[in-house]
Amino acid sequence: MSGTMPQGMPADKGKQQQVVMVVDARPMRQFYTSIFLQRLQYQVIMAKTGEDALLFLGLTVPLVIIANYDLPQMNGLELLKQVRQEYRTRSVPFIVYTSNRSPEVRRACEGAGCSAFLSHPCSLEGLYAAVEQAIQKPRRFVRLATALNVVVGGEHPTDGARSEIITAISERGMFVNTAVPLALGAVLPFTFHLPSAPGWIVRVEGQVLLSHFPSNKVKIPGMAVKFLKISDHDQSLVRDFIRRELMEGIAAPERTEHNC
């Protein structure tokens, strides 16, 4: 087993978080996969070999493991078998991706208990869908980590409206970071700009579904808001914005080295 600690290991050992572990010896593909998953609000742990992956798994347990089959020394199938033999990790979803199109390899990985088997090339959306399916909590809409200014309660900051920050957004809702979250069930207007499209102003009517107050040390203060009323045009703008942000800087590598 290698003595090199996988990059990005969280400090709180043993506590399962929204952590996805990526095991791949190719730095470029590992890098772009990591960026993509981080934009989806996953914490990403990177390991270059199966040995490094096992070292990490001895310290804490990720939500999902994504491993290239074609690893040096210990391949993805051998890593999968070792993961399944350990009590602490035997139930962790394990996704294998490979350029090896041998039916025998696929059957061996599926027989060893992989959650999904992806062949090169696969889209980043395909990888996202496999992760969501593996954790059995698939989101209907992609949620993007972001930092958008939003006016809560109107179109301009006034005595009755205030400026806050959207820290996550999907086609149907958002999370607004604020020290003064509104009461559950509150319905009011929200207005925000999409920076990738100057002049694009999105106006929605939203309902507060969840509030985290500053006194709650476990949660980030803010409120989850569901879009009750949003025009088809504005929803299309939000959807296009999310896709552009997710794919920015990684669309070209996706067609080449990144392909999972």
C-alpha atoms as a PDB file:
ATOM      1  CA  MET A   1       0.000   0.000   0.000  1.00  0.00           C
ATOM      2  CA  SER A   2       1.304   3.446  -0.921  1.00  0.00           C
ATOM      3  CA  GLY A   3       2.217   5.834   1.860  1.00  0.00           C
ATOM      4  CA  THR A   4       0.880   8.878  -0.010  1.00  0.00           C
ATOM      5  CA  MET A   5      -2.281  10.344   1.489  1.00  0.00           C
ATOM      6  CA  PRO A   6      -5.049  10.902  -1.073  1.00  0.00           C
ATOM      7  CA  GLN A   7      -5.611  14.573  -1.801  1.00  0.00           C
ATOM      8  CA  GLY A   8      -8.393  16.488  -0.056  1.00  0.00           C
ATOM      9  CA  MET A   9      -8.977  14.164   2.903  1.00  0.00           C
ATOM     10  CA  PRO A  10     -11.520  15.642   5.324  1.00  0.00           C
ATOM     11  CA  ALA A  11     -10.454  16.307   8.897  1.00  0.00           C
ATOM     12  CA  ASP A  12     -13.390  14.602  10.637  1.00  0.00           C
ATOM     13  CA  LYS A  13     -12.390  10.974  10.294  1.00  0.00           C
ATOM     14  CA  GLY A  14     -15.011   8.299  10.150  1.00  0.00           C
ATOM     15  CA  LYS A  15     -17.949  10.636   9.521  1.00  0.00           C
ATOM     16  CA  GLN A  16     -19.759   9.993   6.269  1.00  0.00           C
ATOM     17  CA  GLN A  17     -20.312  13.241   4.340  1.00  0.00           C
ATOM     18  CA  GLN A  18     -21.338  14.227   0.831  1.00  0.00           C
ATOM     19  CA  VAL A  19     -17.954  12.895  -0.268  1.00  0.00           C
ATOM     20  CA  VAL A  20     -17.268  11.256  -3.605  1.00  0.00           C
ATOM     21  CA  MET A  21     -13.950   9.466  -4.060  1.00  0.00           C
ATOM     22  CA  VAL A  22     -12.386   9.474  -7.540  1.00  0.00           C
ATOM     23  CA  VAL A  23      -9.649   6.919  -8.254  1.00  0.00           C
ATOM     24  CA  ASP A  24      -7.820   7.570 -11.517  1.00  0.00           C
ATOM     25  CA  ALA A  25      -4.150   7.710 -12.493  1.00  0.00           C
ATOM     26  CA  ARG A  26      -4.712  10.278 -15.255  1.00  0.00           C
ATOM     27  CA  PRO A  27      -4.382  13.756 -13.677  1.00  0.00           C
ATOM     28  CA  MET A  28      -6.317  15.639 -16.371  1.00  0.00           C
ATOM     29  CA  ARG A  29      -9.356  13.365 -16.229  1.00  0.00           C
ATOM     30  CA  GLN A  30      -9.205  13.294 -12.440  1.00  0.00           C
ATOM     31  CA  PHE A  31      -9.036  17.095 -12.355  1.00  0.00           C
ATOM     32  CA  TYR A  32     -12.015  17.714 -14.623  1.00  0.00           C
ATOM     33  CA  THR A  33     -14.145  15.056 -12.946  1.00  0.00           C
ATOM     34  CA  SER A  34     -13.356  16.666  -9.603  1.00  0.00           C
ATOM     35  CA  ILE A  35     -14.347  20.144 -10.830  1.00  0.00           C
ATOM     36  CA  PHE A  36     -17.626  18.830 -12.219  1.00  0.00           C
ATOM     37  CA  LEU A  37     -18.586  17.038  -9.006  1.00  0.00           C
ATOM     38  CA  GLN A  38     -17.601  19.991  -6.820  1.00  0.00           C
ATOM     39  CA  ARG A  39     -19.917  22.208  -8.847  1.00  0.00           C
ATOM     40  CA  LEU A  40     -22.662  19.757  -7.910  1.00  0.00           C
ATOM     41  CA  GLN A  41     -21.810  20.374  -4.236  1.00  0.00           C
ATOM     42  CA  TYR A  42     -19.956  17.132  -3.577  1.00  0.00           C
ATOM     43  CA  GLN A  43     -16.689  17.119  -1.673  1.00  0.00           C
ATOM     44  CA  VAL A  44     -14.198  15.204  -3.807  1.00  0.00           C
ATOM     45  CA  ILE A  45     -11.341  12.991  -2.630  1.00  0.00           C
ATOM     46  CA  MET A  46      -8.774  12.067  -5.277  1.00  0.00           C
ATOM     47  CA  ALA A  47      -6.536   9.005  -5.323  1.00  0.00           C
ATOM     48  CA  LYS A  48      -4.207   7.892  -8.100  1.00  0.00           C
ATOM     49  CA  THR A  49      -4.024   4.195  -7.245  1.00  0.00           C
ATOM     50  CA  GLY A  50      -6.068   1.479  -5.603  1.00  0.00           C
ATOM     51  CA  GLU A  51      -3.522   1.362  -2.808  1.00  0.00           C
ATOM     52  CA  ASP A  52      -4.032   5.064  -2.059  1.00  0.00           C
ATOM     53  CA  ALA A  53      -7.792   4.518  -2.146  1.00  0.00           C
ATOM     54  CA  LEU A  54      -7.579   1.753   0.447  1.00  0.00           C
ATOM     55  CA  LEU A  55      -5.440   3.964   2.665  1.00  0.00           C
ATOM     56  CA  PHE A  56      -8.137   6.612   2.617  1.00  0.00           C
ATOM     57  CA  LEU A  57     -10.912   4.073   3.202  1.00  0.00           C
ATOM     58  CA  GLY A  58      -9.150   2.994   6.362  1.00  0.00           C
ATOM     59  CA  LEU A  59      -9.753   6.484   7.747  1.00  0.00           C
ATOM     60  CA  THR A  60     -13.225   7.460   6.580  1.00  0.00           C
ATOM     61  CA  VAL A  61     -16.038   6.261   4.340  1.00  0.00           C
ATOM     62  CA  PRO A  62     -17.152   8.216   1.244  1.00  0.00           C
ATOM     63  CA  LEU A  63     -20.666   8.400  -0.119  1.00  0.00           C
ATOM     64  CA  VAL A  64     -19.631   6.947  -3.500  1.00  0.00           C
ATOM     65  CA  ILE A  65     -16.432   5.572  -5.058  1.00  0.00           C
ATOM     66  CA  ILE A  66     -15.743   6.213  -8.760  1.00  0.00           C
ATOM     67  CA  ALA A  67     -12.791   4.235 -10.091  1.00  0.00           C
ATOM     68  CA  ASN A  68     -11.183   3.725 -13.463  1.00  0.00           C
ATOM     69  CA  TYR A  69     -10.834   0.037 -14.235  1.00  0.00           C
ATOM     70  CA  ASP A  70      -7.438   0.613 -15.868  1.00  0.00           C
ATOM     71  CA  LEU A  71      -5.450   1.540 -12.765  1.00  0.00           C
ATOM     72  CA  PRO A  72      -1.737   0.766 -12.339  1.00  0.00           C
ATOM     73  CA  GLN A  73      -0.891  -2.235 -10.176  1.00  0.00           C
ATOM     74  CA  MET A  74      -4.281  -2.992  -8.601  1.00  0.00           C
ATOM     75  CA  ASN A  75      -7.017  -2.562 -11.218  1.00  0.00           C
ATOM     76  CA  GLY A  76     -10.538  -1.295 -10.567  1.00  0.00           C
ATOM     77  CA  LEU A  77     -12.016  -4.782 -10.224  1.00  0.00           C
ATOM     78  CA  GLU A  78      -9.434  -5.806  -7.630  1.00  0.00           C
ATOM     79  CA  LEU A  79     -10.104  -2.587  -5.715  1.00  0.00           C
ATOM     80  CA  LEU A  80     -13.840  -3.245  -5.863  1.00  0.00           C
ATOM     81  CA  LYS A  81     -13.388  -6.752  -4.444  1.00  0.00           C
ATOM     82  CA  GLN A  82     -11.317  -5.450  -1.533  1.00  0.00           C
ATOM     83  CA  VAL A  83     -13.871  -2.710  -0.833  1.00  0.00           C
ATOM     84  CA  ARG A  84     -16.645  -5.323  -0.734  1.00  0.00           C
ATOM     85  CA  GLN A  85     -14.662  -7.535   1.666  1.00  0.00           C
ATOM     86  CA  GLU A  86     -14.404  -4.822   4.332  1.00  0.00           C
ATOM     87  CA  TYR A  87     -17.348  -4.440   6.707  1.00  0.00           C
ATOM     88  CA  ARG A  88     -17.127  -0.622   6.807  1.00  0.00           C
ATOM     89  CA  THR A  89     -17.119  -0.198   3.037  1.00  0.00           C
ATOM     90  CA  ARG A  90     -19.008  -3.191   1.665  1.00  0.00           C
ATOM     91  CA  SER A  91     -22.204  -1.162   1.126  1.00  0.00           C
ATOM     92  CA  VAL A  92     -20.549   1.917  -0.437  1.00  0.00           C
ATOM     93  CA  PRO A  93     -21.770   2.370  -4.034  1.00  0.00           C
ATOM     94  CA  PHE A  94     -18.890   1.711  -6.447  1.00  0.00           C
ATOM     95  CA  ILE A  95     -18.913   3.011 -10.035  1.00  0.00           C
ATOM     96  CA  VAL A  96     -16.447   1.576 -12.566  1.00  0.00           C
ATOM     97  CA  TYR A  97     -15.551   3.311 -15.834  1.00  0.00           C
ATOM     98  CA  THR A  98     -13.248   1.981 -18.520  1.00  0.00           C
ATOM     99  CA  SER A  99     -12.310   1.928 -22.199  1.00  0.00           C
ATOM    100  CA  ASN A 100     -12.215  -1.872 -21.972  1.00  0.00           C
ATOM    101  CA  ARG A 101     -15.281  -3.103 -23.850  1.00  0.00           C
ATOM    102  CA  SER A 102     -14.830  -6.754 -22.972  1.00  0.00           C
ATOM    103  CA  PRO A 103     -18.157  -8.322 -21.898  1.00  0.00           C
ATOM    104  CA  GLU A 104     -16.183 -10.465 -19.455  1.00  0.00           C
ATOM    105  CA  VAL A 105     -14.820  -7.377 -17.675  1.00  0.00           C
ATOM    106  CA  ARG A 106     -18.306  -5.907 -17.380  1.00  0.00           C
ATOM    107  CA  ARG A 107     -19.761  -9.159 -16.052  1.00  0.00           C
ATOM    108  CA  ALA A 108     -16.899  -9.520 -13.561  1.00  0.00           C
ATOM    109  CA  CYS A 109     -17.417  -5.988 -12.199  1.00  0.00           C
ATOM    110  CA  GLU A 110     -21.185  -6.391 -11.995  1.00  0.00           C
ATOM    111  CA  GLY A 111     -20.745  -9.778 -10.351  1.00  0.00           C
ATOM    112  CA  ALA A 112     -18.415  -8.217  -7.768  1.00  0.00           C
ATOM    113  CA  GLY A 113     -21.090  -5.678  -6.892  1.00  0.00           C
ATOM    114  CA  CYS A 114     -20.426  -2.468  -8.808  1.00  0.00           C
ATOM    115  CA  SER A 115     -23.338  -0.021  -8.821  1.00  0.00           C
ATOM    116  CA  ALA A 116     -22.736   1.105 -12.397  1.00  0.00           C
ATOM    117  CA  PHE A 117     -20.380   0.224 -15.237  1.00  0.00           C
ATOM    118  CA  LEU A 118     -19.625   3.092 -17.619  1.00  0.00           C
ATOM    119  CA  SER A 119     -17.747   2.759 -20.898  1.00  0.00           C
ATOM    120  CA  HIS A 120     -15.572   5.391 -22.575  1.00  0.00           C
ATOM    121  CA  PRO A 121     -16.718   7.783 -23.768  1.00  0.00           C
ATOM    122  CA  CYS A 122     -19.528   8.835 -21.451  1.00  0.00           C
ATOM    123  CA  SER A 123     -20.834  12.327 -20.865  1.00  0.00           C
ATOM    124  CA  LEU A 124     -20.490  14.199 -17.612  1.00  0.00           C
ATOM    125  CA  GLU A 125     -24.269  14.127 -17.413  1.00  0.00           C
ATOM    126  CA  GLY A 126     -24.057  10.331 -17.601  1.00  0.00           C
ATOM    127  CA  LEU A 127     -21.591  10.295 -14.736  1.00  0.00           C
ATOM    128  CA  TYR A 128     -23.851  12.611 -12.710  1.00  0.00           C
ATOM    129  CA  ALA A 129     -26.850  10.343 -13.326  1.00  0.00           C
ATOM    130  CA  ALA A 130     -24.847   7.277 -12.241  1.00  0.00           C
ATOM    131  CA  VAL A 131     -23.780   8.968  -8.988  1.00  0.00           C
ATOM    132  CA  GLU A 132     -27.308  10.122  -8.197  1.00  0.00           C
ATOM    133  CA  GLN A 133     -28.715   6.680  -8.930  1.00  0.00           C
ATOM    134  CA  ALA A 134     -26.030   4.983  -6.862  1.00  0.00           C
ATOM    135  CA  ILE A 135     -26.889   6.947  -3.724  1.00  0.00           C
ATOM    136  CA  GLN A 136     -30.586   6.198  -4.341  1.00  0.00           C
ATOM    137  CA  LYS A 137     -31.541   9.828  -3.806  1.00  0.00           C
ATOM    138  CA  PRO A 138     -31.678  11.054  -7.380  1.00  0.00           C
ATOM    139  CA  ARG A 139     -32.517  14.702  -7.852  1.00  0.00           C
ATOM    140  CA  ARG A 140     -34.997  15.428 -10.575  1.00  0.00           C
ATOM    141  CA  PHE A 141     -33.112  18.592 -11.449  1.00  0.00           C
ATOM    142  CA  VAL A 142     -29.383  19.334 -11.291  1.00  0.00           C
ATOM    143  CA  ARG A 143     -28.485  21.626  -8.383  1.00  0.00           C
ATOM    144  CA  LEU A 144     -25.582  24.003  -8.997  1.00  0.00           C
ATOM    145  CA  ALA A 145     -23.394  25.601  -6.330  1.00  0.00           C
ATOM    146  CA  THR A 146     -23.212  29.290  -7.161  1.00  0.00           C
ATOM    147  CA  ALA A 147     -23.066  32.836  -5.763  1.00  0.00           C
ATOM    148  CA  LEU A 148     -25.788  34.983  -7.308  1.00  0.00           C
ATOM    149  CA  ASN A 149     -27.132  38.209  -5.872  1.00  0.00           C
ATOM    150  CA  VAL A 150     -30.871  38.021  -5.238  1.00  0.00           C
ATOM    151  CA  VAL A 151     -33.362  40.596  -4.021  1.00  0.00           C
ATOM    152  CA  VAL A 152     -35.743  39.022  -1.522  1.00  0.00           C
ATOM    153  CA  GLY A 153     -39.181  40.596  -1.470  1.00  0.00           C
ATOM    154  CA  GLY A 154     -39.082  42.648  -4.656  1.00  0.00           C
ATOM    155  CA  GLU A 155     -36.923  43.873  -7.534  1.00  0.00           C
ATOM    156  CA  HIS A 156     -34.730  46.445  -5.754  1.00  0.00           C
ATOM    157  CA  PRO A 157     -33.321  46.575  -2.206  1.00  0.00           C
ATOM    158  CA  THR A 158     -35.646  48.827  -0.217  1.00  0.00           C
ATOM    159  CA  ASP A 159     -37.065  48.973   3.263  1.00  0.00           C
ATOM    160  CA  GLY A 160     -39.270  46.037   2.378  1.00  0.00           C
ATOM    161  CA  ALA A 161     -36.760  44.070   0.284  1.00  0.00           C
ATOM    162  CA  ARG A 162     -33.138  43.126   0.856  1.00  0.00           C
ATOM    163  CA  SER A 163     -30.175  41.775  -1.102  1.00  0.00           C
ATOM    164  CA  GLU A 164     -28.913  38.266  -0.287  1.00  0.00           C
ATOM    165  CA  ILE A 165     -26.882  35.510  -1.961  1.00  0.00           C
ATOM    166  CA  ILE A 166     -28.104  32.369  -3.757  1.00  0.00           C
ATOM    167  CA  THR A 167     -25.615  29.607  -2.897  1.00  0.00           C
ATOM    168  CA  ALA A 168     -27.364  26.802  -4.824  1.00  0.00           C
ATOM    169  CA  ILE A 169     -29.879  26.825  -7.666  1.00  0.00           C
ATOM    170  CA  SER A 170     -31.876  24.374  -9.796  1.00  0.00           C
ATOM    171  CA  GLU A 171     -34.620  24.799 -12.377  1.00  0.00           C
ATOM    172  CA  ARG A 172     -37.244  24.630  -9.656  1.00  0.00           C
ATOM    173  CA  GLY A 173     -35.704  26.209  -6.590  1.00  0.00           C
ATOM    174  CA  MET A 174     -32.738  27.697  -4.761  1.00  0.00           C
ATOM    175  CA  PHE A 175     -31.013  28.046  -1.411  1.00  0.00           C
ATOM    176  CA  VAL A 176     -30.609  31.636  -0.219  1.00  0.00           C
ATOM    177  CA  ASN A 177     -27.853  32.311   2.295  1.00  0.00           C
ATOM    178  CA  THR A 178     -29.204  34.833   4.808  1.00  0.00           C
ATOM    179  CA  ALA A 179     -28.885  35.577   8.506  1.00  0.00           C
ATOM    180  CA  VAL A 180     -32.608  36.355   8.657  1.00  0.00           C
ATOM    181  CA  PRO A 181     -34.424  33.449   6.976  1.00  0.00           C
ATOM    182  CA  LEU A 182     -38.173  33.780   6.559  1.00  0.00           C
ATOM    183  CA  ALA A 183     -40.805  31.622   8.195  1.00  0.00           C
ATOM    184  CA  LEU A 184     -41.716  28.275   6.697  1.00  0.00           C
ATOM    185  CA  GLY A 185     -44.429  28.611   4.093  1.00  0.00           C
ATOM    186  CA  ALA A 186     -43.764  32.288   3.407  1.00  0.00           C
ATOM    187  CA  VAL A 187     -44.466  33.266  -0.215  1.00  0.00           C
ATOM    188  CA  LEU A 188     -42.844  36.338  -1.785  1.00  0.00           C
ATOM    189  CA  PRO A 189     -41.118  37.592  -4.948  1.00  0.00           C
ATOM    190  CA  PHE A 190     -37.419  37.097  -5.701  1.00  0.00           C
ATOM    191  CA  THR A 191     -35.383  38.821  -8.404  1.00  0.00           C
ATOM    192  CA  PHE A 192     -31.895  37.856  -9.584  1.00  0.00           C
ATOM    193  CA  HIS A 193     -29.532  38.450 -12.513  1.00  0.00           C
ATOM    194  CA  LEU A 194     -27.671  35.781 -14.458  1.00  0.00           C
ATOM    195  CA  PRO A 195     -24.100  37.069 -14.934  1.00  0.00           C
ATOM    196  CA  SER A 196     -23.422  35.040 -18.087  1.00  0.00           C
ATOM    197  CA  ALA A 197     -26.221  36.943 -19.824  1.00  0.00           C
ATOM    198  CA  PRO A 198     -26.079  40.719 -19.130  1.00  0.00           C
ATOM    199  CA  GLY A 199     -29.546  42.146 -18.848  1.00  0.00           C
ATOM    200  CA  TRP A 200     -31.183  38.812 -18.110  1.00  0.00           C
ATOM    201  CA  ILE A 201     -33.306  39.375 -15.042  1.00  0.00           C
ATOM    202  CA  VAL A 202     -35.221  36.450 -13.587  1.00  0.00           C
ATOM    203  CA  ARG A 203     -38.320  37.137 -11.528  1.00  0.00           C
ATOM    204  CA  VAL A 204     -39.980  34.335  -9.581  1.00  0.00           C
ATOM    205  CA  GLU A 205     -42.504  33.859  -6.834  1.00  0.00           C
ATOM    206  CA  GLY A 206     -41.105  31.448  -4.271  1.00  0.00           C
ATOM    207  CA  GLN A 207     -42.185  29.638  -1.141  1.00  0.00           C
ATOM    208  CA  VAL A 208     -39.884  28.926   1.803  1.00  0.00           C
ATOM    209  CA  LEU A 209     -39.737  25.165   2.391  1.00  0.00           C
ATOM    210  CA  LEU A 210     -36.889  25.020   4.912  1.00  0.00           C
ATOM    211  CA  SER A 211     -35.131  27.547   7.170  1.00  0.00           C
ATOM    212  CA  HIS A 212     -31.769  27.280   8.920  1.00  0.00           C
ATOM    213  CA  PHE A 213     -31.249  29.940  11.559  1.00  0.00           C
ATOM    214  CA  PRO A 214     -27.833  31.280  12.687  1.00  0.00           C
ATOM    215  CA  SER A 215     -28.247  29.678  16.111  1.00  0.00           C
ATOM    216  CA  ASN A 216     -28.213  26.235  14.489  1.00  0.00           C
ATOM    217  CA  LYS A 217     -24.470  25.519  14.390  1.00  0.00           C
ATOM    218  CA  VAL A 218     -24.865  22.419  12.223  1.00  0.00           C
ATOM    219  CA  LYS A 219     -26.495  24.129   9.263  1.00  0.00           C
ATOM    220  CA  ILE A 220     -25.605  27.102   7.062  1.00  0.00           C
ATOM    221  CA  PRO A 221     -28.032  29.940   7.872  1.00  0.00           C
ATOM    222  CA  GLY A 222     -30.484  30.463   5.057  1.00  0.00           C
ATOM    223  CA  MET A 223     -33.632  29.138   3.454  1.00  0.00           C
ATOM    224  CA  ALA A 224     -34.606  26.656   0.777  1.00  0.00           C
ATOM    225  CA  VAL A 225     -37.065  28.201  -1.665  1.00  0.00           C
ATOM    226  CA  LYS A 226     -39.310  26.439  -4.173  1.00  0.00           C
ATOM    227  CA  PHE A 227     -40.281  28.329  -7.332  1.00  0.00           C
ATOM    228  CA  LEU A 228     -44.068  28.566  -7.322  1.00  0.00           C
ATOM    229  CA  LYS A 229     -44.322  30.856 -10.342  1.00  0.00           C
ATOM    230  CA  ILE A 230     -41.660  31.205 -13.018  1.00  0.00           C
ATOM    231  CA  SER A 231     -42.209  31.894 -16.701  1.00  0.00           C
ATOM    232  CA  ASP A 232     -41.156  29.331 -19.307  1.00  0.00           C
ATOM    233  CA  HIS A 233     -38.670  31.881 -20.632  1.00  0.00           C
ATOM    234  CA  ASP A 234     -37.071  32.489 -17.239  1.00  0.00           C
ATOM    235  CA  GLN A 235     -36.942  28.770 -16.473  1.00  0.00           C
ATOM    236  CA  SER A 236     -35.166  28.227 -19.789  1.00  0.00           C
ATOM    237  CA  LEU A 237     -32.645  30.940 -18.844  1.00  0.00           C
ATOM    238  CA  VAL A 238     -31.982  29.258 -15.495  1.00  0.00           C
ATOM    239  CA  ARG A 239     -31.605  25.837 -17.124  1.00  0.00           C
ATOM    240  CA  ASP A 240     -29.162  27.162 -19.744  1.00  0.00           C
ATOM    241  CA  PHE A 241     -27.196  29.045 -17.085  1.00  0.00           C
ATOM    242  CA  ILE A 242     -26.804  25.895 -14.973  1.00  0.00           C
ATOM    243  CA  ARG A 243     -25.568  23.849 -17.909  1.00  0.00           C
ATOM    244  CA  ARG A 244     -23.078  26.523 -19.012  1.00  0.00           C
ATOM    245  CA  GLU A 245     -21.689  26.883 -15.516  1.00  0.00           C
ATOM    246  CA  LEU A 246     -21.339  23.119 -15.063  1.00  0.00           C
ATOM    247  CA  MET A 247     -19.565  22.640 -18.370  1.00  0.00           C
ATOM    248  CA  GLU A 248     -17.426  25.796 -18.381  1.00  0.00           C
ATOM    249  CA  GLY A 249     -13.813  24.893 -18.998  1.00  0.00           C
ATOM    250  CA  ILE A 250     -14.483  21.150 -19.171  1.00  0.00           C
ATOM    251  CA  ALA A 251     -16.529  20.714 -22.342  1.00  0.00           C
ATOM    252  CA  ALA A 252     -13.478  20.299 -24.568  1.00  0.00           C
ATOM    253  CA  PRO A 253     -11.644  17.791 -22.303  1.00  0.00           C
ATOM    254  CA  GLU A 254     -14.915  15.873 -22.037  1.00  0.00           C
ATOM    255  CA  ARG A 255     -14.559  15.023 -25.703  1.00  0.00           C
ATOM    256  CA  THR A 256     -10.972  13.876 -25.319  1.00  0.00           C
ATOM    257  CA  GLU A 257      -9.023  12.755 -22.291  1.00  0.00           C
ATOM    258  CA  HIS A 258     -11.761  13.416 -19.758  1.00  0.00           C
ATOM    259  CA  ASN A 259     -14.273  11.002 -21.220  1.00  0.00           C
ATOM    260  CA  CYS A 260     -15.193   8.596 -18.451  1.00  0.00           C
END
